[in-house]
Amino acid sequence: MLNNLEVAFELMGFGMGGVFLVLFIIYLVAKLLLKLLPAK
């Protein structure tokens, strides 16, 4: 039972980390595009 709980928390951690990583990458790409293609 305890082992299942540990695995669940580990997967939840990877999931949340992955989501934040993707959001961060999208944010960086958006900043880069705004720098390369400034709005008129």
N, C-alpha and C. Protein backbone atom coordinates (compact mmCIF):
# COMPACT_ATOMS: atom_id res chain seq x y z
N MET A 1 0.84 -1.21 0.00
CA MET A 1 0.00 0.00 0.00
C MET A 1 0.87 1.25 0.00
N LEU A 2 1.86 1.26 0.88
CA LEU A 2 2.74 2.44 0.98
C LEU A 2 3.53 2.63 -0.30
N ASN A 3 3.95 1.52 -0.91
CA ASN A 3 4.71 1.58 -2.16
C ASN A 3 3.88 2.22 -3.27
N ASN A 4 2.60 1.86 -3.34
CA ASN A 4 1.71 2.44 -4.36
C ASN A 4 1.61 3.95 -4.17
N LEU A 5 1.52 4.38 -2.92
CA LEU A 5 1.42 5.80 -2.60
C LEU A 5 2.69 6.53 -3.06
N GLU A 6 3.83 5.93 -2.81
CA GLU A 6 5.10 6.54 -3.22
C GLU A 6 5.16 6.69 -4.74
N VAL A 7 4.75 5.64 -5.45
CA VAL A 7 4.76 5.69 -6.92
C VAL A 7 3.80 6.75 -7.41
N ALA A 8 2.63 6.86 -6.77
CA ALA A 8 1.64 7.86 -7.18
C ALA A 8 2.20 9.27 -7.01
N PHE A 9 2.85 9.54 -5.87
CA PHE A 9 3.42 10.88 -5.65
C PHE A 9 4.54 11.17 -6.64
N GLU A 10 5.32 10.13 -6.95
CA GLU A 10 6.42 10.30 -7.91
C GLU A 10 5.87 10.68 -9.28
N LEU A 11 4.83 9.95 -9.72
CA LEU A 11 4.21 10.24 -11.03
C LEU A 11 3.59 11.62 -11.03
N MET A 12 2.95 12.01 -9.93
CA MET A 12 2.34 13.33 -9.83
C MET A 12 3.42 14.42 -9.94
N GLY A 13 4.55 14.17 -9.31
CA GLY A 13 5.66 15.12 -9.38
C GLY A 13 6.17 15.27 -10.80
N PHE A 14 6.35 14.13 -11.49
CA PHE A 14 6.81 14.19 -12.89
C PHE A 14 5.79 14.91 -13.75
N GLY A 15 4.50 14.64 -13.52
CA GLY A 15 3.43 15.27 -14.31
C GLY A 15 3.44 16.78 -14.14
N MET A 16 3.49 17.23 -12.88
CA MET A 16 3.48 18.68 -12.62
C MET A 16 4.76 19.31 -13.17
N GLY A 17 5.88 18.66 -12.97
CA GLY A 17 7.15 19.17 -13.49
C GLY A 17 7.11 19.30 -15.00
N GLY A 18 6.54 18.30 -15.66
CA GLY A 18 6.42 18.33 -17.13
C GLY A 18 5.56 19.47 -17.60
N VAL A 19 4.43 19.68 -16.92
CA VAL A 19 3.52 20.77 -17.30
C VAL A 19 4.23 22.11 -17.16
N PHE A 20 4.91 22.33 -16.02
CA PHE A 20 5.60 23.60 -15.82
C PHE A 20 6.74 23.78 -16.82
N LEU A 21 7.41 22.69 -17.16
CA LEU A 21 8.50 22.75 -18.13
C LEU A 21 7.98 23.19 -19.50
N VAL A 22 6.86 22.59 -19.93
CA VAL A 22 6.27 22.94 -21.22
C VAL A 22 5.81 24.40 -21.23
N LEU A 23 5.16 24.83 -20.14
CA LEU A 23 4.71 26.23 -20.05
C LEU A 23 5.92 27.18 -20.13
N PHE A 24 7.00 26.82 -19.45
CA PHE A 24 8.20 27.65 -19.45
C PHE A 24 8.80 27.74 -20.86
N ILE A 25 8.83 26.61 -21.57
CA ILE A 25 9.37 26.59 -22.94
C ILE A 25 8.51 27.47 -23.85
N ILE A 26 7.18 27.36 -23.73
CA ILE A 26 6.28 28.18 -24.54
C ILE A 26 6.52 29.66 -24.23
N TYR A 27 6.71 29.98 -22.94
CA TYR A 27 6.98 31.36 -22.54
C TYR A 27 8.28 31.88 -23.17
N LEU A 28 9.32 31.06 -23.14
CA LEU A 28 10.60 31.47 -23.73
C LEU A 28 10.47 31.68 -25.24
N VAL A 29 9.76 30.78 -25.92
CA VAL A 29 9.57 30.90 -27.37
C VAL A 29 8.80 32.17 -27.69
N ALA A 30 7.77 32.48 -26.89
CA ALA A 30 6.99 33.69 -27.11
C ALA A 30 7.87 34.93 -26.94
N LYS A 31 8.71 34.96 -25.90
CA LYS A 31 9.60 36.09 -25.68
C LYS A 31 10.56 36.25 -26.86
N LEU A 32 11.10 35.13 -27.33
CA LEU A 32 12.04 35.15 -28.44
C LEU A 32 11.38 35.67 -29.70
N LEU A 33 10.16 35.22 -29.99
CA LEU A 33 9.44 35.67 -31.19
C LEU A 33 9.15 37.17 -31.10
N LEU A 34 8.78 37.65 -29.93
CA LEU A 34 8.51 39.09 -29.76
C LEU A 34 9.78 39.89 -30.00
N LYS A 35 10.93 39.32 -29.60
CA LYS A 35 12.20 40.01 -29.82
C LYS A 35 12.58 40.02 -31.30
N LEU A 36 12.36 38.89 -31.97
CA LEU A 36 12.71 38.77 -33.39
C LEU A 36 11.74 39.52 -34.29
N LEU A 37 10.46 39.50 -33.93
CA LEU A 37 9.43 40.13 -34.75
C LEU A 37 8.67 41.17 -33.93
N PRO A 38 9.28 42.33 -33.70
CA PRO A 38 8.62 43.34 -32.86
C PRO A 38 7.31 43.81 -33.49
N ALA A 39 6.30 44.04 -32.65
CA ALA A 39 5.00 44.51 -33.13
C ALA A 39 5.15 45.93 -33.67
N LYS A 40 4.46 46.17 -34.76
CA LYS A 40 4.55 47.51 -35.38
C LYS A 40 3.68 48.52 -34.60
